[in-house]
Amino acid sequence: MAQNTKRSINELLVSLFNHVMDMEAKAVITVDYSDITNNDMHIIEAIGVEEPRNMSEIAHRLSVTVSTLTTNMNGLERKGYIRRERSQRDKRVVYVILTEKGKKAFYHHRDFHKK
């Protein structure tokens, strides 16, 4: 494949990806969730509602480092979307749990993707 064709396809895919992300952000980040970003919504999705997850599990799901995730978690905790709990068996392990506000955001985001 010619270099120009590869470049054109790459530019088209990047443009399409950015367009989809913009559409998602406009649909998901409503007045009720104007205090968080689309990236925060994806973190909330990675935490899930089934059971508490530790930071390493969440970071792995998102393909980011734990230190990068910690910065985002601080904001989500400050805004009331998550809470952290230390493991009773191993105090080094921190579990992240969605609050009621976080669960509402989770279901809002999930419903968007079901449409």
PDB file of N, CA and C in Angstrom:
ATOM      1  N   MET A   1       0.855  -1.169   0.000  1.00  0.00           N
ATOM      2  CA  MET A   1       0.000   0.000   0.000  1.00  0.00           C
ATOM      3  C   MET A   1       0.904   1.235   0.000  1.00  0.00           C
ATOM      4  N   ALA A   2       0.560   2.193  -0.801  1.00  0.00           N
ATOM      5  CA  ALA A   2       1.361   3.413  -0.901  1.00  0.00           C
ATOM      6  C   ALA A   2       1.321   4.184   0.413  1.00  0.00           C
ATOM      7  N   GLN A   3       2.414   4.876   0.692  1.00  0.00           N
ATOM      8  CA  GLN A   3       2.535   5.639   1.940  1.00  0.00           C
ATOM      9  C   GLN A   3       1.419   6.672   2.082  1.00  0.00           C
ATOM     10  N   ASN A   4       1.067   7.350   0.986  1.00  0.00           N
ATOM     11  CA  ASN A   4      -0.002   8.358   1.037  1.00  0.00           C
ATOM     12  C   ASN A   4      -1.352   7.735   1.389  1.00  0.00           C
ATOM     13  N   THR A   5      -1.604   6.538   0.861  1.00  0.00           N
ATOM     14  CA  THR A   5      -2.856   5.850   1.161  1.00  0.00           C
ATOM     15  C   THR A   5      -2.917   5.471   2.637  1.00  0.00           C
ATOM     16  N   LYS A   6      -1.799   4.959   3.174  1.00  0.00           N
ATOM     17  CA  LYS A   6      -1.741   4.612   4.599  1.00  0.00           C
ATOM     18  C   LYS A   6      -1.984   5.841   5.458  1.00  0.00           C
ATOM     19  N   ARG A   7      -1.358   6.940   5.084  1.00  0.00           N
ATOM     20  CA  ARG A   7      -1.515   8.183   5.840  1.00  0.00           C
ATOM     21  C   ARG A   7      -2.967   8.652   5.791  1.00  0.00           C
ATOM     22  N   SER A   8      -3.584   8.572   4.613  1.00  0.00           N
ATOM     23  CA  SER A   8      -4.979   8.999   4.467  1.00  0.00           C
ATOM     24  C   SER A   8      -5.921   8.132   5.299  1.00  0.00           C
ATOM     25  N   ILE A   9      -5.698   6.824   5.288  1.00  0.00           N
ATOM     26  CA  ILE A   9      -6.528   5.922   6.083  1.00  0.00           C
ATOM     27  C   ILE A   9      -6.346   6.217   7.565  1.00  0.00           C
ATOM     28  N   ASN A  10      -5.104   6.424   7.987  1.00  0.00           N
ATOM     29  CA  ASN A  10      -4.830   6.741   9.386  1.00  0.00           C
ATOM     30  C   ASN A  10      -5.522   8.039   9.795  1.00  0.00           C
ATOM     31  N   GLU A  11      -5.426   9.068   8.970  1.00  0.00           N
ATOM     32  CA  GLU A  11      -6.068  10.346   9.276  1.00  0.00           C
ATOM     33  C   GLU A  11      -7.584  10.187   9.367  1.00  0.00           C
ATOM     34  N   LEU A  12      -8.147   9.390   8.473  1.00  0.00           N
ATOM     35  CA  LEU A  12      -9.584   9.141   8.485  1.00  0.00           C
ATOM     36  C   LEU A  12     -10.004   8.419   9.772  1.00  0.00           C
ATOM     37  N   LEU A  13      -9.248   7.401  10.166  1.00  0.00           N
ATOM     38  CA  LEU A  13      -9.568   6.661  11.388  1.00  0.00           C
ATOM     39  C   LEU A  13      -9.438   7.537  12.631  1.00  0.00           C
ATOM     40  N   VAL A  14      -8.404   8.355  12.685  1.00  0.00           N
ATOM     41  CA  VAL A  14      -8.228   9.267  13.821  1.00  0.00           C
ATOM     42  C   VAL A  14      -9.383  10.258  13.881  1.00  0.00           C
ATOM     43  N   SER A  15      -9.757  10.789  12.734  1.00  0.00           N
ATOM     44  CA  SER A  15     -10.868  11.737  12.677  1.00  0.00           C
ATOM     45  C   SER A  15     -12.174  11.074  13.128  1.00  0.00           C
ATOM     46  N   LEU A  16     -12.414   9.863  12.660  1.00  0.00           N
ATOM     47  CA  LEU A  16     -13.619   9.125  13.043  1.00  0.00           C
ATOM     48  C   LEU A  16     -13.630   8.850  14.545  1.00  0.00           C
ATOM     49  N   PHE A  17     -12.500   8.412  15.087  1.00  0.00           N
ATOM     50  CA  PHE A  17     -12.390   8.149  16.521  1.00  0.00           C
ATOM     51  C   PHE A  17     -12.690   9.411  17.319  1.00  0.00           C
ATOM     52  N   ASN A  18     -12.089  10.525  16.934  1.00  0.00           N
ATOM     53  CA  ASN A  18     -12.319  11.791  17.642  1.00  0.00           C
ATOM     54  C   ASN A  18     -13.777  12.219  17.557  1.00  0.00           C
ATOM     55  N   HIS A  19     -14.389  12.002  16.409  1.00  0.00           N
ATOM     56  CA  HIS A  19     -15.800  12.349  16.226  1.00  0.00           C
ATOM     57  C   HIS A  19     -16.683  11.507  17.157  1.00  0.00           C
ATOM     58  N   VAL A  20     -16.417  10.217  17.229  1.00  0.00           N
ATOM     59  CA  VAL A  20     -17.189   9.333  18.110  1.00  0.00           C
ATOM     60  C   VAL A  20     -17.007   9.744  19.569  1.00  0.00           C
ATOM     61  N   MET A  21     -15.781  10.061  19.971  1.00  0.00           N
ATOM     62  CA  MET A  21     -15.525  10.490  21.350  1.00  0.00           C
ATOM     63  C   MET A  21     -16.256  11.795  21.663  1.00  0.00           C
ATOM     64  N   ASP A  22     -16.275  12.721  20.717  1.00  0.00           N
ATOM     65  CA  ASP A  22     -17.009  13.979  20.911  1.00  0.00           C
ATOM     66  C   ASP A  22     -18.507  13.725  21.061  1.00  0.00           C
ATOM     67  N   MET A  23     -19.046  12.846  20.215  1.00  0.00           N
ATOM     68  CA  MET A  23     -20.469  12.518  20.296  1.00  0.00           C
ATOM     69  C   MET A  23     -20.798  11.887  21.643  1.00  0.00           C
ATOM     70  N   GLU A  24     -19.936  10.980  22.087  1.00  0.00           N
ATOM     71  CA  GLU A  24     -20.167  10.328  23.374  1.00  0.00           C
ATOM     72  C   GLU A  24     -20.123  11.350  24.505  1.00  0.00           C
ATOM     73  N   ALA A  25     -19.136  12.217  24.480  1.00  0.00           N
ATOM     74  CA  ALA A  25     -19.005  13.225  25.543  1.00  0.00           C
ATOM     75  C   ALA A  25     -20.238  14.120  25.600  1.00  0.00           C
ATOM     76  N   LYS A  26     -20.734  14.541  24.441  1.00  0.00           N
ATOM     77  CA  LYS A  26     -21.908  15.414  24.413  1.00  0.00           C
ATOM     78  C   LYS A  26     -23.153  14.697  24.920  1.00  0.00           C
ATOM     79  N   ALA A  27     -23.253  13.401  24.651  1.00  0.00           N
ATOM     80  CA  ALA A  27     -24.429  12.644  25.074  1.00  0.00           C
ATOM     81  C   ALA A  27     -24.351  12.214  26.534  1.00  0.00           C
ATOM     82  N   VAL A  28     -23.158  11.902  27.004  1.00  0.00           N
ATOM     83  CA  VAL A  28     -22.994  11.339  28.346  1.00  0.00           C
ATOM     84  C   VAL A  28     -22.813  12.414  29.407  1.00  0.00           C
ATOM     85  N   ILE A  29     -22.065  13.448  29.083  1.00  0.00           N
ATOM     86  CA  ILE A  29     -21.792  14.493  30.070  1.00  0.00           C
ATOM     87  C   ILE A  29     -22.922  15.516  30.013  1.00  0.00           C
ATOM     88  N   THR A  30     -24.000  15.185  30.716  1.00  0.00           N
ATOM     89  CA  THR A  30     -25.183  16.039  30.769  1.00  0.00           C
ATOM     90  C   THR A  30     -25.064  16.988  31.961  1.00  0.00           C
ATOM     91  N   VAL A  31     -26.089  17.771  32.174  1.00  0.00           N
ATOM     92  CA  VAL A  31     -26.105  18.718  33.293  1.00  0.00           C
ATOM     93  C   VAL A  31     -25.862  17.989  34.619  1.00  0.00           C
ATOM     94  N   ASP A  32     -26.437  16.805  34.765  1.00  0.00           N
ATOM     95  CA  ASP A  32     -26.271  16.036  36.005  1.00  0.00           C
ATOM     96  C   ASP A  32     -24.830  15.606  36.249  1.00  0.00           C
ATOM     97  N   TYR A  33     -24.052  15.501  35.182  1.00  0.00           N
ATOM     98  CA  TYR A  33     -22.677  15.009  35.299  1.00  0.00           C
ATOM     99  C   TYR A  33     -21.665  16.001  34.738  1.00  0.00           C
ATOM    100  N   SER A  34     -21.978  17.263  34.840  1.00  0.00           N
ATOM    101  CA  SER A  34     -21.094  18.292  34.283  1.00  0.00           C
ATOM    102  C   SER A  34     -19.819  18.480  35.096  1.00  0.00           C
ATOM    103  N   ASP A  35     -19.761  17.870  36.273  1.00  0.00           N
ATOM    104  CA  ASP A  35     -18.568  18.008  37.111  1.00  0.00           C
ATOM    105  C   ASP A  35     -17.502  16.954  36.821  1.00  0.00           C
ATOM    106  N   ILE A  36     -17.778  16.034  35.882  1.00  0.00           N
ATOM    107  CA  ILE A  36     -16.784  15.028  35.518  1.00  0.00           C
ATOM    108  C   ILE A  36     -16.590  15.003  34.012  1.00  0.00           C
ATOM    109  N   THR A  37     -15.543  14.332  33.587  1.00  0.00           N
ATOM    110  CA  THR A  37     -15.211  14.246  32.169  1.00  0.00           C
ATOM    111  C   THR A  37     -15.644  12.903  31.603  1.00  0.00           C
ATOM    112  N   ASN A  38     -15.569  12.791  30.295  1.00  0.00           N
ATOM    113  CA  ASN A  38     -15.842  11.525  29.635  1.00  0.00           C
ATOM    114  C   ASN A  38     -14.845  10.465  30.113  1.00  0.00           C
ATOM    115  N   ASN A  39     -13.608  10.868  30.324  1.00  0.00           N
ATOM    116  CA  ASN A  39     -12.589   9.961  30.855  1.00  0.00           C
ATOM    117  C   ASN A  39     -13.000   9.448  32.241  1.00  0.00           C
ATOM    118  N   ASP A  40     -13.526  10.334  33.077  1.00  0.00           N
ATOM    119  CA  ASP A  40     -14.013   9.921  34.397  1.00  0.00           C
ATOM    120  C   ASP A  40     -15.131   8.887  34.266  1.00  0.00           C
ATOM    121  N   MET A  41     -16.006   9.070  33.281  1.00  0.00           N
ATOM    122  CA  MET A  41     -17.090   8.107  33.057  1.00  0.00           C
ATOM    123  C   MET A  41     -16.527   6.732  32.721  1.00  0.00           C
ATOM    124  N   HIS A  42     -15.449   6.701  31.947  1.00  0.00           N
ATOM    125  CA  HIS A  42     -14.845   5.416  31.609  1.00  0.00           C
ATOM    126  C   HIS A  42     -14.194   4.770  32.832  1.00  0.00           C
ATOM    127  N   ILE A  43     -13.676   5.574  33.722  1.00  0.00           N
ATOM    128  CA  ILE A  43     -13.129   5.038  34.974  1.00  0.00           C
ATOM    129  C   ILE A  43     -14.265   4.457  35.816  1.00  0.00           C
ATOM    130  N   ILE A  44     -15.364   5.176  35.899  1.00  0.00           N
ATOM    131  CA  ILE A  44     -16.536   4.689  36.637  1.00  0.00           C
ATOM    132  C   ILE A  44     -17.013   3.367  36.037  1.00  0.00           C
ATOM    133  N   GLU A  45     -17.015   3.286  34.714  1.00  0.00           N
ATOM    134  CA  GLU A  45     -17.402   2.046  34.038  1.00  0.00           C
ATOM    135  C   GLU A  45     -16.446   0.905  34.400  1.00  0.00           C
ATOM    136  N   ALA A  46     -15.155   1.194  34.457  1.00  0.00           N
ATOM    137  CA  ALA A  46     -14.156   0.166  34.786  1.00  0.00           C
ATOM    138  C   ALA A  46     -14.285  -0.309  36.229  1.00  0.00           C
ATOM    139  N   ILE A  47     -14.717   0.566  37.116  1.00  0.00           N
ATOM    140  CA  ILE A  47     -14.930   0.171  38.515  1.00  0.00           C
ATOM    141  C   ILE A  47     -16.104  -0.798  38.588  1.00  0.00           C
ATOM    142  N   GLY A  48     -17.175  -0.473  37.894  1.00  0.00           N
ATOM    143  CA  GLY A  48     -18.342  -1.343  37.854  1.00  0.00           C
ATOM    144  C   GLY A  48     -19.147  -1.324  39.135  1.00  0.00           C
ATOM    145  N   VAL A  49     -20.257  -2.045  39.123  1.00  0.00           N
ATOM    146  CA  VAL A  49     -21.169  -2.067  40.268  1.00  0.00           C
ATOM    147  C   VAL A  49     -21.242  -3.434  40.943  1.00  0.00           C
ATOM    148  N   GLU A  50     -20.596  -4.444  40.370  1.00  0.00           N
ATOM    149  CA  GLU A  50     -20.732  -5.797  40.900  1.00  0.00           C
ATOM    150  C   GLU A  50     -20.058  -5.968  42.252  1.00  0.00           C
ATOM    151  N   GLU A  51     -18.775  -5.674  42.309  1.00  0.00           N
ATOM    152  CA  GLU A  51     -18.011  -5.903  43.536  1.00  0.00           C
ATOM    153  C   GLU A  51     -16.872  -4.897  43.596  1.00  0.00           C
ATOM    154  N   PRO A  52     -16.340  -4.648  44.773  1.00  0.00           N
ATOM    155  CA  PRO A  52     -15.210  -3.707  44.872  1.00  0.00           C
ATOM    156  C   PRO A  52     -14.020  -4.192  44.042  1.00  0.00           C
ATOM    157  N   ARG A  53     -13.314  -3.274  43.443  1.00  0.00           N
ATOM    158  CA  ARG A  53     -12.113  -3.601  42.663  1.00  0.00           C
ATOM    159  C   ARG A  53     -10.939  -2.857  43.270  1.00  0.00           C
ATOM    160  N   ASN A  54      -9.783  -3.487  43.195  1.00  0.00           N
ATOM    161  CA  ASN A  54      -8.612  -2.769  43.685  1.00  0.00           C
ATOM    162  C   ASN A  54      -8.033  -1.903  42.570  1.00  0.00           C
ATOM    163  N   MET A  55      -7.161  -1.012  42.948  1.00  0.00           N
ATOM    164  CA  MET A  55      -6.611  -0.043  41.998  1.00  0.00           C
ATOM    165  C   MET A  55      -5.886  -0.729  40.843  1.00  0.00           C
ATOM    166  N   SER A  56      -5.172  -1.805  41.126  1.00  0.00           N
ATOM    167  CA  SER A  56      -4.438  -2.512  40.072  1.00  0.00           C
ATOM    168  C   SER A  56      -5.384  -3.094  39.029  1.00  0.00           C
ATOM    169  N   GLU A  57      -6.489  -3.670  39.471  1.00  0.00           N
ATOM    170  CA  GLU A  57      -7.475  -4.231  38.540  1.00  0.00           C
ATOM    171  C   GLU A  57      -8.056  -3.142  37.638  1.00  0.00           C
ATOM    172  N   ILE A  58      -8.396  -2.029  38.232  1.00  0.00           N
ATOM    173  CA  ILE A  58      -8.990  -0.925  37.464  1.00  0.00           C
ATOM    174  C   ILE A  58      -7.971  -0.366  36.480  1.00  0.00           C
ATOM    175  N   ALA A  59      -6.742  -0.160  36.937  1.00  0.00           N
ATOM    176  CA  ALA A  59      -5.686   0.358  36.059  1.00  0.00           C
ATOM    177  C   ALA A  59      -5.456  -0.597  34.890  1.00  0.00           C
ATOM    178  N   HIS A  60      -5.455  -1.891  35.164  1.00  0.00           N
ATOM    179  CA  HIS A  60      -5.270  -2.886  34.103  1.00  0.00           C
ATOM    180  C   HIS A  60      -6.408  -2.816  33.083  1.00  0.00           C
ATOM    181  N   ARG A  61      -7.638  -2.700  33.554  1.00  0.00           N
ATOM    182  CA  ARG A  61      -8.792  -2.603  32.648  1.00  0.00           C
ATOM    183  C   ARG A  61      -8.696  -1.387  31.726  1.00  0.00           C
ATOM    184  N   LEU A  62      -8.089  -0.315  32.232  1.00  0.00           N
ATOM    185  CA  LEU A  62      -7.997   0.935  31.470  1.00  0.00           C
ATOM    186  C   LEU A  62      -6.662   1.097  30.748  1.00  0.00           C
ATOM    187  N   SER A  63      -5.747   0.160  30.965  1.00  0.00           N
ATOM    188  CA  SER A  63      -4.398   0.227  30.373  1.00  0.00           C
ATOM    189  C   SER A  63      -3.667   1.503  30.772  1.00  0.00           C
ATOM    190  N   VAL A  64      -3.731   1.829  32.052  1.00  0.00           N
ATOM    191  CA  VAL A  64      -3.003   2.979  32.599  1.00  0.00           C
ATOM    192  C   VAL A  64      -2.236   2.518  33.834  1.00  0.00           C
ATOM    193  N   THR A  65      -1.342   3.363  34.309  1.00  0.00           N
ATOM    194  CA  THR A  65      -0.607   3.037  35.526  1.00  0.00           C
ATOM    195  C   THR A  65      -1.466   3.363  36.747  1.00  0.00           C
ATOM    196  N   VAL A  66      -1.139   2.731  37.850  1.00  0.00           N
ATOM    197  CA  VAL A  66      -1.862   3.002  39.093  1.00  0.00           C
ATOM    198  C   VAL A  66      -1.662   4.455  39.508  1.00  0.00           C
ATOM    199  N   SER A  67      -0.463   4.995  39.288  1.00  0.00           N
ATOM    200  CA  SER A  67      -0.223   6.394  39.680  1.00  0.00           C
ATOM    201  C   SER A  67      -1.071   7.359  38.855  1.00  0.00           C
ATOM    202  N   THR A  68      -1.244   7.086  37.580  1.00  0.00           N
ATOM    203  CA  THR A  68      -2.119   7.916  36.743  1.00  0.00           C
ATOM    204  C   THR A  68      -3.559   7.821  37.237  1.00  0.00           C
ATOM    205  N   LEU A  69      -3.985   6.617  37.539  1.00  0.00           N
ATOM    206  CA  LEU A  69      -5.350   6.394  38.002  1.00  0.00           C
ATOM    207  C   LEU A  69      -5.609   7.080  39.342  1.00  0.00           C
ATOM    208  N   THR A  70      -4.613   7.097  40.209  1.00  0.00           N
ATOM    209  CA  THR A  70      -4.759   7.705  41.535  1.00  0.00           C
ATOM    210  C   THR A  70      -5.172   9.165  41.429  1.00  0.00           C
ATOM    211  N   THR A  71      -4.583   9.888  40.504  1.00  0.00           N
ATOM    212  CA  THR A  71      -4.924  11.298  40.303  1.00  0.00           C
ATOM    213  C   THR A  71      -6.405  11.447  39.969  1.00  0.00           C
ATOM    214  N   ASN A  72      -6.893  10.617  39.055  1.00  0.00           N
ATOM    215  CA  ASN A  72      -8.305  10.676  38.681  1.00  0.00           C
ATOM    216  C   ASN A  72      -9.211  10.250  39.833  1.00  0.00           C
ATOM    217  N   MET A  73      -8.793   9.240  40.569  1.00  0.00           N
ATOM    218  CA  MET A  73      -9.592   8.753  41.695  1.00  0.00           C
ATOM    219  C   MET A  73      -9.738   9.823  42.773  1.00  0.00           C
ATOM    220  N   ASN A  74      -8.691  10.594  42.982  1.00  0.00           N
ATOM    221  CA  ASN A  74      -8.769  11.677  43.972  1.00  0.00           C
ATOM    222  C   ASN A  74      -9.907  12.634  43.628  1.00  0.00           C
ATOM    223  N   GLY A  75     -10.009  12.992  42.350  1.00  0.00           N
ATOM    224  CA  GLY A  75     -11.080  13.887  41.914  1.00  0.00           C
ATOM    225  C   GLY A  75     -12.451  13.253  42.043  1.00  0.00           C
ATOM    226  N   LEU A  76     -12.568  11.984  41.644  1.00  0.00           N
ATOM    227  CA  LEU A  76     -13.858  11.300  41.744  1.00  0.00           C
ATOM    228  C   LEU A  76     -14.292  11.129  43.198  1.00  0.00           C
ATOM    229  N   GLU A  77     -13.336  10.906  44.077  1.00  0.00           N
ATOM    230  CA  GLU A  77     -13.665  10.784  45.500  1.00  0.00           C
ATOM    231  C   GLU A  77     -14.098  12.136  46.069  1.00  0.00           C
ATOM    232  N   ARG A  78     -13.379  13.177  45.703  1.00  0.00           N
ATOM    233  CA  ARG A  78     -13.705  14.534  46.175  1.00  0.00           C
ATOM    234  C   ARG A  78     -15.109  14.945  45.719  1.00  0.00           C
ATOM    235  N   LYS A  79     -15.510  14.495  44.530  1.00  0.00           N
ATOM    236  CA  LYS A  79     -16.819  14.857  43.980  1.00  0.00           C
ATOM    237  C   LYS A  79     -17.931  13.904  44.413  1.00  0.00           C
ATOM    238  N   GLY A  80     -17.581  12.874  45.169  1.00  0.00           N
ATOM    239  CA  GLY A  80     -18.592  11.984  45.726  1.00  0.00           C
ATOM    240  C   GLY A  80     -19.011  10.811  44.859  1.00  0.00           C
ATOM    241  N   TYR A  81     -18.232  10.461  43.839  1.00  0.00           N
ATOM    242  CA  TYR A  81     -18.587   9.350  42.957  1.00  0.00           C
ATOM    243  C   TYR A  81     -18.050   8.009  43.448  1.00  0.00           C
ATOM    244  N   ILE A  82     -16.966   8.029  44.197  1.00  0.00           N
ATOM    245  CA  ILE A  82     -16.360   6.796  44.694  1.00  0.00           C
ATOM    246  C   ILE A  82     -16.001   6.944  46.167  1.00  0.00           C
ATOM    247  N   ARG A  83     -15.741   5.799  46.779  1.00  0.00           N
ATOM    248  CA  ARG A  83     -15.103   5.799  48.094  1.00  0.00           C
ATOM    249  C   ARG A  83     -14.056   4.686  48.074  1.00  0.00           C
ATOM    250  N   ARG A  84     -13.061   4.834  48.920  1.00  0.00           N
ATOM    251  CA  ARG A  84     -11.980   3.848  49.002  1.00  0.00           C
ATOM    252  C   ARG A  84     -12.031   3.157  50.356  1.00  0.00           C
ATOM    253  N   GLU A  85     -11.734   1.879  50.330  1.00  0.00           N
ATOM    254  CA  GLU A  85     -11.676   1.102  51.570  1.00  0.00           C
ATOM    255  C   GLU A  85     -10.438   0.223  51.545  1.00  0.00           C
ATOM    256  N   ARG A  86      -9.757   0.152  52.660  1.00  0.00           N
ATOM    257  CA  ARG A  86      -8.601  -0.734  52.784  1.00  0.00           C
ATOM    258  C   ARG A  86      -9.077  -2.159  53.046  1.00  0.00           C
ATOM    259  N   SER A  87      -8.366  -3.104  52.474  1.00  0.00           N
ATOM    260  CA  SER A  87      -8.651  -4.514  52.709  1.00  0.00           C
ATOM    261  C   SER A  87      -8.419  -4.840  54.178  1.00  0.00           C
ATOM    262  N   GLN A  88      -9.297  -5.638  54.740  1.00  0.00           N
ATOM    263  CA  GLN A  88      -9.126  -6.070  56.128  1.00  0.00           C
ATOM    264  C   GLN A  88      -7.984  -7.076  56.253  1.00  0.00           C
ATOM    265  N   ARG A  89      -7.750  -7.847  55.174  1.00  0.00           N
ATOM    266  CA  ARG A  89      -6.694  -8.864  55.206  1.00  0.00           C
ATOM    267  C   ARG A  89      -5.317  -8.304  54.890  1.00  0.00           C
ATOM    268  N   ASP A  90      -5.268  -7.330  53.987  1.00  0.00           N
ATOM    269  CA  ASP A  90      -3.979  -6.766  53.572  1.00  0.00           C
ATOM    270  C   ASP A  90      -4.140  -5.254  53.474  1.00  0.00           C
ATOM    271  N   LYS A  91      -3.653  -4.548  54.449  1.00  0.00           N
ATOM    272  CA  LYS A  91      -3.853  -3.093  54.537  1.00  0.00           C
ATOM    273  C   LYS A  91      -3.210  -2.330  53.381  1.00  0.00           C
ATOM    274  N   ARG A  92      -2.349  -2.986  52.616  1.00  0.00           N
ATOM    275  CA  ARG A  92      -1.740  -2.324  51.453  1.00  0.00           C
ATOM    276  C   ARG A  92      -2.723  -2.221  50.288  1.00  0.00           C
ATOM    277  N   VAL A  93      -3.725  -3.070  50.282  1.00  0.00           N
ATOM    278  CA  VAL A  93      -4.693  -3.131  49.183  1.00  0.00           C
ATOM    279  C   VAL A  93      -5.837  -2.161  49.453  1.00  0.00           C
ATOM    280  N   VAL A  94      -6.116  -1.337  48.448  1.00  0.00           N
ATOM    281  CA  VAL A  94      -7.214  -0.375  48.537  1.00  0.00           C
ATOM    282  C   VAL A  94      -8.274  -0.756  47.510  1.00  0.00           C
ATOM    283  N   TYR A  95      -9.499  -0.920  47.981  1.00  0.00           N
ATOM    284  CA  TYR A  95     -10.620  -1.203  47.094  1.00  0.00           C
ATOM    285  C   TYR A  95     -11.364   0.090  46.788  1.00  0.00           C
ATOM    286  N   VAL A  96     -11.874   0.166  45.577  1.00  0.00           N
ATOM    287  CA  VAL A  96     -12.651   1.327  45.138  1.00  0.00           C
ATOM    288  C   VAL A  96     -14.087   0.874  44.923  1.00  0.00           C
ATOM    289  N   ILE A  97     -15.007   1.628  45.480  1.00  0.00           N
ATOM    290  CA  ILE A  97     -16.425   1.295  45.421  1.00  0.00           C
ATOM    291  C   ILE A  97     -17.191   2.529  44.953  1.00  0.00           C
ATOM    292  N   LEU A  98     -18.138   2.319  44.052  1.00  0.00           N
ATOM    293  CA  LEU A  98     -18.981   3.428  43.612  1.00  0.00           C
ATOM    294  C   LEU A  98     -19.980   3.787  44.708  1.00  0.00           C
ATOM    295  N   THR A  99     -20.164   5.077  44.920  1.00  0.00           N
ATOM    296  CA  THR A  99     -21.216   5.566  45.811  1.00  0.00           C
ATOM    297  C   THR A  99     -22.533   5.521  45.038  1.00  0.00           C
ATOM    298  N   GLU A 100     -23.622   5.904  45.672  1.00  0.00           N
ATOM    299  CA  GLU A 100     -24.904   5.970  44.953  1.00  0.00           C
ATOM    300  C   GLU A 100     -24.797   6.918  43.759  1.00  0.00           C
ATOM    301  N   LYS A 101     -24.134   8.043  43.959  1.00  0.00           N
ATOM    302  CA  LYS A 101     -23.930   9.005  42.870  1.00  0.00           C
ATOM    303  C   LYS A 101     -23.120   8.358  41.749  1.00  0.00           C
ATOM    304  N   GLY A 102     -22.104   7.601  42.112  1.00  0.00           N
ATOM    305  CA  GLY A 102     -21.280   6.906  41.129  1.00  0.00           C
ATOM    306  C   GLY A 102     -22.054   5.837  40.382  1.00  0.00           C
ATOM    307  N   LYS A 103     -22.925   5.122  41.092  1.00  0.00           N
ATOM    308  CA  LYS A 103     -23.750   4.096  40.446  1.00  0.00           C
ATOM    309  C   LYS A 103     -24.713   4.719  39.444  1.00  0.00           C
ATOM    310  N   LYS A 104     -25.274   5.868  39.793  1.00  0.00           N
ATOM    311  CA  LYS A 104     -26.168   6.559  38.852  1.00  0.00           C
ATOM    312  C   LYS A 104     -25.410   6.937  37.585  1.00  0.00           C
ATOM    313  N   ALA A 105     -24.183   7.428  37.748  1.00  0.00           N
ATOM    314  CA  ALA A 105     -23.354   7.777  36.589  1.00  0.00           C
ATOM    315  C   ALA A 105     -23.031   6.526  35.775  1.00  0.00           C
ATOM    316  N   PHE A 106     -22.732   5.420  36.448  1.00  0.00           N
ATOM    317  CA  PHE A 106     -22.437   4.153  35.770  1.00  0.00           C
ATOM    318  C   PHE A 106     -23.607   3.739  34.882  1.00  0.00           C
ATOM    319  N   TYR A 107     -24.812   3.721  35.450  1.00  0.00           N
ATOM    320  CA  TYR A 107     -25.988   3.298  34.688  1.00  0.00           C
ATOM    321  C   TYR A 107     -26.318   4.283  33.567  1.00  0.00           C
ATOM    322  N   HIS A 108     -26.107   5.559  33.805  1.00  0.00           N
ATOM    323  CA  HIS A 108     -26.313   6.576  32.768  1.00  0.00           C
ATOM    324  C   HIS A 108     -25.380   6.294  31.583  1.00  0.00           C
ATOM    325  N   HIS A 109     -24.125   6.016  31.864  1.00  0.00           N
ATOM    326  CA  HIS A 109     -23.135   5.733  30.821  1.00  0.00           C
ATOM    327  C   HIS A 109     -23.466   4.425  30.104  1.00  0.00           C
ATOM    328  N   ARG A 110     -23.833   3.410  30.857  1.00  0.00           N
ATOM    329  CA  ARG A 110     -24.174   2.119  30.262  1.00  0.00           C
ATOM    330  C   ARG A 110     -25.387   2.248  29.346  1.00  0.00           C
ATOM    331  N   ASP A 111     -26.392   2.999  29.792  1.00  0.00           N
ATOM    332  CA  ASP A 111     -27.591   3.185  28.976  1.00  0.00           C
ATOM    333  C   ASP A 111     -27.269   3.881  27.663  1.00  0.00           C
ATOM    334  N   PHE A 112     -26.337   4.831  27.688  1.00  0.00           N
ATOM    335  CA  PHE A 112     -25.928   5.494  26.448  1.00  0.00           C
ATOM    336  C   PHE A 112     -25.384   4.466  25.461  1.00  0.00           C
ATOM    337  N   HIS A 113     -24.553   3.556  25.924  1.00  0.00           N
ATOM    338  CA  HIS A 113     -23.928   2.579  25.031  1.00  0.00           C
ATOM    339  C   HIS A 113     -24.900   1.501  24.565  1.00  0.00           C
ATOM    340  N   LYS A 114     -26.001   1.329  25.268  1.00  0.00           N
ATOM    341  CA  LYS A 114     -27.006   0.355  24.838  1.00  0.00           C
ATOM    342  C   LYS A 114     -27.847   0.876  23.682  1.00  0.00           C
ATOM    343  N   LYS A 115     -27.894   2.199  23.525  1.00  0.00           N
ATOM    344  CA  LYS A 115     -28.737   2.799  22.476  1.00  0.00           C
ATOM    345  C   LYS A 115     -28.117   2.640  21.111  1.00  0.00           C
TER     346      LYS A 115
END
